[in-house]
Amino acid sequence: MQNFIDYVYNFYGRHGIYDMRATRTMICNSTNKHINQIGGLVNFGYDSTDREAIRDILIKDYSLIQPD
């Protein structure tokens, strides 16, 4: 799971590809929320689909903005 958190942070964390200034705590909380929404780890792919779902949670729950 830590590798996945790092993967998401490299996209949406400070100086990431799409720097939304997300913190690791925000990403962890959003990941847990996403896992609960999809019915657990059995449905979690550790892939870009999950990363983008977490991005959407970051935007909704933390009012972060994805840069263009």
PDB file of N, CA and C in Angstrom:
ATOM      1  N   MET A   1       0.826  -1.188   0.000  1.00  0.00           N
ATOM      2  CA  MET A   1       0.000   0.000   0.000  1.00  0.00           C
ATOM      3  C   MET A   1       0.874   1.257   0.000  1.00  0.00           C
ATOM      4  N   GLN A   2       2.006   1.217   0.691  1.00  0.00           N
ATOM      5  CA  GLN A   2       2.881   2.390   0.737  1.00  0.00           C
ATOM      6  C   GLN A   2       3.349   2.793  -0.660  1.00  0.00           C
ATOM      7  N   ASN A   3       3.630   1.807  -1.498  1.00  0.00           N
ATOM      8  CA  ASN A   3       4.045   2.123  -2.870  1.00  0.00           C
ATOM      9  C   ASN A   3       2.926   2.838  -3.627  1.00  0.00           C
ATOM     10  N   PHE A   4       1.692   2.421  -3.389  1.00  0.00           N
ATOM     11  CA  PHE A   4       0.567   3.073  -4.049  1.00  0.00           C
ATOM     12  C   PHE A   4       0.393   4.503  -3.547  1.00  0.00           C
ATOM     13  N   ILE A   5       0.525   4.717  -2.239  1.00  0.00           N
ATOM     14  CA  ILE A   5       0.433   6.066  -1.668  1.00  0.00           C
ATOM     15  C   ILE A   5       1.515   6.950  -2.285  1.00  0.00           C
ATOM     16  N   ASP A   6       2.724   6.427  -2.409  1.00  0.00           N
ATOM     17  CA  ASP A   6       3.811   7.179  -3.048  1.00  0.00           C
ATOM     18  C   ASP A   6       3.475   7.501  -4.502  1.00  0.00           C
ATOM     19  N   TYR A   7       2.912   6.533  -5.195  1.00  0.00           N
ATOM     20  CA  TYR A   7       2.502   6.708  -6.594  1.00  0.00           C
ATOM     21  C   TYR A   7       1.501   7.860  -6.710  1.00  0.00           C
ATOM     22  N   VAL A   8       0.479   7.864  -5.871  1.00  0.00           N
ATOM     23  CA  VAL A   8      -0.527   8.930  -5.901  1.00  0.00           C
ATOM     24  C   VAL A   8       0.106  10.265  -5.512  1.00  0.00           C
ATOM     25  N   TYR A   9       0.972  10.253  -4.498  1.00  0.00           N
ATOM     26  CA  TYR A   9       1.641  11.484  -4.059  1.00  0.00           C
ATOM     27  C   TYR A   9       2.488  12.074  -5.188  1.00  0.00           C
ATOM     28  N   ASN A  10       3.130  11.226  -5.964  1.00  0.00           N
ATOM     29  CA  ASN A  10       3.948  11.704  -7.080  1.00  0.00           C
ATOM     30  C   ASN A  10       3.120  12.373  -8.168  1.00  0.00           C
ATOM     31  N   PHE A  11       1.836  12.116  -8.181  1.00  0.00           N
ATOM     32  CA  PHE A  11       0.935  12.797  -9.113  1.00  0.00           C
ATOM     33  C   PHE A  11       0.341  14.051  -8.494  1.00  0.00           C
ATOM     34  N   TYR A  12      -0.172  13.955  -7.254  1.00  0.00           N
ATOM     35  CA  TYR A  12      -0.994  15.018  -6.691  1.00  0.00           C
ATOM     36  C   TYR A  12      -0.382  15.720  -5.484  1.00  0.00           C
ATOM     37  N   GLY A  13       0.760  15.261  -5.050  1.00  0.00           N
ATOM     38  CA  GLY A  13       1.440  15.895  -3.928  1.00  0.00           C
ATOM     39  C   GLY A  13       2.286  17.073  -4.389  1.00  0.00           C
ATOM     40  N   ARG A  14       2.926  17.691  -3.442  1.00  0.00           N
ATOM     41  CA  ARG A  14       3.773  18.856  -3.730  1.00  0.00           C
ATOM     42  C   ARG A  14       4.829  18.497  -4.775  1.00  0.00           C
ATOM     43  N   HIS A  15       4.924  19.300  -5.815  1.00  0.00           N
ATOM     44  CA  HIS A  15       5.859  19.114  -6.932  1.00  0.00           C
ATOM     45  C   HIS A  15       5.547  17.877  -7.771  1.00  0.00           C
ATOM     46  N   GLY A  16       4.330  17.347  -7.642  1.00  0.00           N
ATOM     47  CA  GLY A  16       3.922  16.195  -8.434  1.00  0.00           C
ATOM     48  C   GLY A  16       3.577  16.588  -9.857  1.00  0.00           C
ATOM     49  N   ILE A  17       3.248  15.595 -10.659  1.00  0.00           N
ATOM     50  CA  ILE A  17       2.898  15.828 -12.057  1.00  0.00           C
ATOM     51  C   ILE A  17       1.723  16.796 -12.157  1.00  0.00           C
ATOM     52  N   TYR A  18       0.709  16.586 -11.315  1.00  0.00           N
ATOM     53  CA  TYR A  18      -0.442  17.490 -11.209  1.00  0.00           C
ATOM     54  C   TYR A  18      -0.480  17.999  -9.773  1.00  0.00           C
ATOM     55  N   ASP A  19       0.389  18.911  -9.451  1.00  0.00           N
ATOM     56  CA  ASP A  19       0.565  19.384  -8.069  1.00  0.00           C
ATOM     57  C   ASP A  19      -0.723  20.023  -7.545  1.00  0.00           C
ATOM     58  N   MET A  20      -1.421  19.272  -6.695  1.00  0.00           N
ATOM     59  CA  MET A  20      -2.628  19.767  -6.046  1.00  0.00           C
ATOM     60  C   MET A  20      -2.350  20.088  -4.579  1.00  0.00           C
ATOM     61  N   ARG A  21      -1.081  19.935  -4.188  1.00  0.00           N
ATOM     62  CA  ARG A  21      -0.667  20.160  -2.803  1.00  0.00           C
ATOM     63  C   ARG A  21      -1.322  19.180  -1.826  1.00  0.00           C
ATOM     64  N   ALA A  22      -1.657  18.000  -2.312  1.00  0.00           N
ATOM     65  CA  ALA A  22      -2.207  16.966  -1.437  1.00  0.00           C
ATOM     66  C   ALA A  22      -1.109  16.469  -0.501  1.00  0.00           C
ATOM     67  N   THR A  23      -1.463  16.240   0.740  1.00  0.00           N
ATOM     68  CA  THR A  23      -0.517  15.668   1.696  1.00  0.00           C
ATOM     69  C   THR A  23      -0.678  14.152   1.706  1.00  0.00           C
ATOM     70  N   ARG A  24       0.310  13.481   2.256  1.00  0.00           N
ATOM     71  CA  ARG A  24       0.211  12.024   2.374  1.00  0.00           C
ATOM     72  C   ARG A  24      -0.978  11.629   3.257  1.00  0.00           C
ATOM     73  N   THR A  25      -1.253  12.416   4.273  1.00  0.00           N
ATOM     74  CA  THR A  25      -2.402  12.129   5.142  1.00  0.00           C
ATOM     75  C   THR A  25      -3.698  12.229   4.351  1.00  0.00           C
ATOM     76  N   MET A  26      -3.841  13.275   3.550  1.00  0.00           N
ATOM     77  CA  MET A  26      -5.033  13.416   2.710  1.00  0.00           C
ATOM     78  C   MET A  26      -5.172  12.219   1.770  1.00  0.00           C
ATOM     79  N   ILE A  27      -4.065  11.820   1.184  1.00  0.00           N
ATOM     80  CA  ILE A  27      -4.077  10.697   0.247  1.00  0.00           C
ATOM     81  C   ILE A  27      -4.431   9.404   0.964  1.00  0.00           C
ATOM     82  N   CYS A  28      -3.883   9.171   2.132  1.00  0.00           N
ATOM     83  CA  CYS A  28      -4.208   7.962   2.909  1.00  0.00           C
ATOM     84  C   CYS A  28      -5.685   7.934   3.271  1.00  0.00           C
ATOM     85  N   ASN A  29      -6.202   9.059   3.754  1.00  0.00           N
ATOM     86  CA  ASN A  29      -7.618   9.122   4.118  1.00  0.00           C
ATOM     87  C   ASN A  29      -8.508   8.909   2.895  1.00  0.00           C
ATOM     88  N   SER A  30      -8.146   9.500   1.788  1.00  0.00           N
ATOM     89  CA  SER A  30      -8.924   9.349   0.562  1.00  0.00           C
ATOM     90  C   SER A  30      -8.844   7.920   0.028  1.00  0.00           C
ATOM     91  N   THR A  31      -7.695   7.297   0.159  1.00  0.00           N
ATOM     92  CA  THR A  31      -7.533   5.908  -0.266  1.00  0.00           C
ATOM     93  C   THR A  31      -8.417   4.999   0.573  1.00  0.00           C
ATOM     94  N   ASN A  32      -8.416   5.201   1.879  1.00  0.00           N
ATOM     95  CA  ASN A  32      -9.275   4.390   2.751  1.00  0.00           C
ATOM     96  C   ASN A  32     -10.742   4.582   2.398  1.00  0.00           C
ATOM     97  N   LYS A  33     -11.139   5.807   2.134  1.00  0.00           N
ATOM     98  CA  LYS A  33     -12.525   6.087   1.751  1.00  0.00           C
ATOM     99  C   LYS A  33     -12.864   5.366   0.446  1.00  0.00           C
ATOM    100  N   HIS A  34     -11.973   5.449  -0.524  1.00  0.00           N
ATOM    101  CA  HIS A  34     -12.196   4.787  -1.815  1.00  0.00           C
ATOM    102  C   HIS A  34     -12.312   3.272  -1.635  1.00  0.00           C
ATOM    103  N   ILE A  35     -11.443   2.691  -0.850  1.00  0.00           N
ATOM    104  CA  ILE A  35     -11.481   1.244  -0.608  1.00  0.00           C
ATOM    105  C   ILE A  35     -12.822   0.847   0.008  1.00  0.00           C
ATOM    106  N   ASN A  36     -13.298   1.628   0.950  1.00  0.00           N
ATOM    107  CA  ASN A  36     -14.600   1.343   1.564  1.00  0.00           C
ATOM    108  C   ASN A  36     -15.732   1.492   0.551  1.00  0.00           C
ATOM    109  N   GLN A  37     -15.636   2.478  -0.333  1.00  0.00           N
ATOM    110  CA  GLN A  37     -16.681   2.709  -1.331  1.00  0.00           C
ATOM    111  C   GLN A  37     -16.779   1.576  -2.350  1.00  0.00           C
ATOM    112  N   ILE A  38     -15.650   0.947  -2.657  1.00  0.00           N
ATOM    113  CA  ILE A  38     -15.658  -0.106  -3.681  1.00  0.00           C
ATOM    114  C   ILE A  38     -15.788  -1.510  -3.088  1.00  0.00           C
ATOM    115  N   GLY A  39     -15.940  -1.599  -1.795  1.00  0.00           N
ATOM    116  CA  GLY A  39     -16.176  -2.900  -1.182  1.00  0.00           C
ATOM    117  C   GLY A  39     -14.940  -3.654  -0.738  1.00  0.00           C
ATOM    118  N   GLY A  40     -13.859  -2.954  -0.528  1.00  0.00           N
ATOM    119  CA  GLY A  40     -12.663  -3.581   0.034  1.00  0.00           C
ATOM    120  C   GLY A  40     -11.524  -3.762  -0.943  1.00  0.00           C
ATOM    121  N   LEU A  41     -10.445  -4.298  -0.411  1.00  0.00           N
ATOM    122  CA  LEU A  41      -9.223  -4.458  -1.201  1.00  0.00           C
ATOM    123  C   LEU A  41      -9.360  -5.448  -2.350  1.00  0.00           C
ATOM    124  N   VAL A  42     -10.317  -6.354  -2.254  1.00  0.00           N
ATOM    125  CA  VAL A  42     -10.486  -7.336  -3.323  1.00  0.00           C
ATOM    126  C   VAL A  42     -10.811  -6.644  -4.651  1.00  0.00           C
ATOM    127  N   ASN A  43     -11.398  -5.459  -4.581  1.00  0.00           N
ATOM    128  CA  ASN A  43     -11.755  -4.713  -5.792  1.00  0.00           C
ATOM    129  C   ASN A  43     -10.787  -3.578  -6.106  1.00  0.00           C
ATOM    130  N   PHE A  44      -9.701  -3.493  -5.373  1.00  0.00           N
ATOM    131  CA  PHE A  44      -8.728  -2.415  -5.511  1.00  0.00           C
ATOM    132  C   PHE A  44      -7.617  -2.867  -6.444  1.00  0.00           C
ATOM    133  N   GLY A  45      -7.368  -2.093  -7.522  1.00  0.00           N
ATOM    134  CA  GLY A  45      -6.403  -2.514  -8.528  1.00  0.00           C
ATOM    135  C   GLY A  45      -5.018  -1.913  -8.411  1.00  0.00           C
ATOM    136  N   TYR A  46      -4.828  -0.939  -7.486  1.00  0.00           N
ATOM    137  CA  TYR A  46      -3.533  -0.267  -7.344  1.00  0.00           C
ATOM    138  C   TYR A  46      -3.096   0.342  -8.678  1.00  0.00           C
ATOM    139  N   ASP A  47      -4.026   0.902  -9.436  1.00  0.00           N
ATOM    140  CA  ASP A  47      -3.721   1.377 -10.780  1.00  0.00           C
ATOM    141  C   ASP A  47      -4.237   2.800 -10.998  1.00  0.00           C
ATOM    142  N   SER A  48      -4.156   3.252 -12.241  1.00  0.00           N
ATOM    143  CA  SER A  48      -4.552   4.627 -12.546  1.00  0.00           C
ATOM    144  C   SER A  48      -6.044   4.860 -12.311  1.00  0.00           C
ATOM    145  N   THR A  49      -6.866   3.840 -12.459  1.00  0.00           N
ATOM    146  CA  THR A  49      -8.295   3.988 -12.187  1.00  0.00           C
ATOM    147  C   THR A  49      -8.515   4.346 -10.724  1.00  0.00           C
ATOM    148  N   ASP A  50      -7.834   3.644  -9.837  1.00  0.00           N
ATOM    149  CA  ASP A  50      -7.937   3.946  -8.407  1.00  0.00           C
ATOM    150  C   ASP A  50      -7.317   5.305  -8.099  1.00  0.00           C
ATOM    151  N   ARG A  51      -6.184   5.607  -8.726  1.00  0.00           N
ATOM    152  CA  ARG A  51      -5.535   6.907  -8.502  1.00  0.00           C
ATOM    153  C   ARG A  51      -6.470   8.051  -8.873  1.00  0.00           C
ATOM    154  N   GLU A  52      -7.147   7.920  -9.990  1.00  0.00           N
ATOM    155  CA  GLU A  52      -8.050   8.972 -10.423  1.00  0.00           C
ATOM    156  C   GLU A  52      -9.277   9.078  -9.520  1.00  0.00           C
ATOM    157  N   ALA A  53      -9.742   7.962  -8.991  1.00  0.00           N
ATOM    158  CA  ALA A  53     -10.853   7.998  -8.036  1.00  0.00           C
ATOM    159  C   ALA A  53     -10.424   8.716  -6.761  1.00  0.00           C
ATOM    160  N   ILE A  54      -9.198   8.486  -6.343  1.00  0.00           N
ATOM    161  CA  ILE A  54      -8.667   9.163  -5.155  1.00  0.00           C
ATOM    162  C   ILE A  54      -8.508  10.652  -5.440  1.00  0.00           C
ATOM    163  N   ARG A  55      -8.077  11.003  -6.636  1.00  0.00           N
ATOM    164  CA  ARG A  55      -8.016  12.410  -7.035  1.00  0.00           C
ATOM    165  C   ARG A  55      -9.380  13.075  -6.878  1.00  0.00           C
ATOM    166  N   ASP A  56     -10.419  12.399  -7.331  1.00  0.00           N
ATOM    167  CA  ASP A  56     -11.765  12.960  -7.235  1.00  0.00           C
ATOM    168  C   ASP A  56     -12.190  13.154  -5.781  1.00  0.00           C
ATOM    169  N   ILE A  57     -11.808  12.234  -4.918  1.00  0.00           N
ATOM    170  CA  ILE A  57     -12.106  12.377  -3.492  1.00  0.00           C
ATOM    171  C   ILE A  57     -11.322  13.546  -2.912  1.00  0.00           C
ATOM    172  N   LEU A  58     -10.067  13.693  -3.294  1.00  0.00           N
ATOM    173  CA  LEU A  58      -9.260  14.820  -2.825  1.00  0.00           C
ATOM    174  C   LEU A  58      -9.902  16.144  -3.210  1.00  0.00           C
ATOM    175  N   ILE A  59     -10.408  16.212  -4.421  1.00  0.00           N
ATOM    176  CA  ILE A  59     -11.062  17.439  -4.891  1.00  0.00           C
ATOM    177  C   ILE A  59     -12.337  17.694  -4.098  1.00  0.00           C
ATOM    178  N   LYS A  60     -13.139  16.652  -3.931  1.00  0.00           N
ATOM    179  CA  LYS A  60     -14.437  16.808  -3.255  1.00  0.00           C
ATOM    180  C   LYS A  60     -14.278  17.069  -1.757  1.00  0.00           C
ATOM    181  N   ASP A  61     -13.462  16.262  -1.089  1.00  0.00           N
ATOM    182  CA  ASP A  61     -13.380  16.331   0.376  1.00  0.00           C
ATOM    183  C   ASP A  61     -12.462  17.436   0.890  1.00  0.00           C
ATOM    184  N   TYR A  62     -11.444  17.779   0.121  1.00  0.00           N
ATOM    185  CA  TYR A  62     -10.462  18.752   0.585  1.00  0.00           C
ATOM    186  C   TYR A  62     -10.455  20.038  -0.250  1.00  0.00           C
ATOM    187  N   SER A  63     -11.359  20.130  -1.197  1.00  0.00           N
ATOM    188  CA  SER A  63     -11.467  21.311  -2.061  1.00  0.00           C
ATOM    189  C   SER A  63     -10.158  21.621  -2.798  1.00  0.00           C
ATOM    190  N   LEU A  64      -9.419  20.577  -3.141  1.00  0.00           N
ATOM    191  CA  LEU A  64      -8.192  20.772  -3.911  1.00  0.00           C
ATOM    192  C   LEU A  64      -8.561  20.983  -5.369  1.00  0.00           C
ATOM    193  N   ILE A  65      -7.684  21.612  -6.095  1.00  0.00           N
ATOM    194  CA  ILE A  65      -7.935  21.923  -7.502  1.00  0.00           C
ATOM    195  C   ILE A  65      -6.826  21.305  -8.333  1.00  0.00           C
ATOM    196  N   GLN A  66      -7.229  20.550  -9.347  1.00  0.00           N
ATOM    197  CA  GLN A  66      -6.251  19.973 -10.255  1.00  0.00           C
ATOM    198  C   GLN A  66      -5.832  21.026 -11.252  1.00  0.00           C
ATOM    199  N   PRO A  67      -4.530  21.281 -11.381  1.00  0.00           N
ATOM    200  CA  PRO A  67      -4.074  22.271 -12.358  1.00  0.00           C
ATOM    201  C   PRO A  67      -4.302  21.781 -13.781  1.00  0.00           C
ATOM    202  N   ASP A  68      -4.417  22.731 -14.702  1.00  0.00           N
ATOM    203  CA  ASP A  68      -4.619  22.388 -16.110  1.00  0.00           C
ATOM    204  C   ASP A  68      -3.385  21.820 -16.739  1.00  0.00           C
TER     205      ASP A  68
END
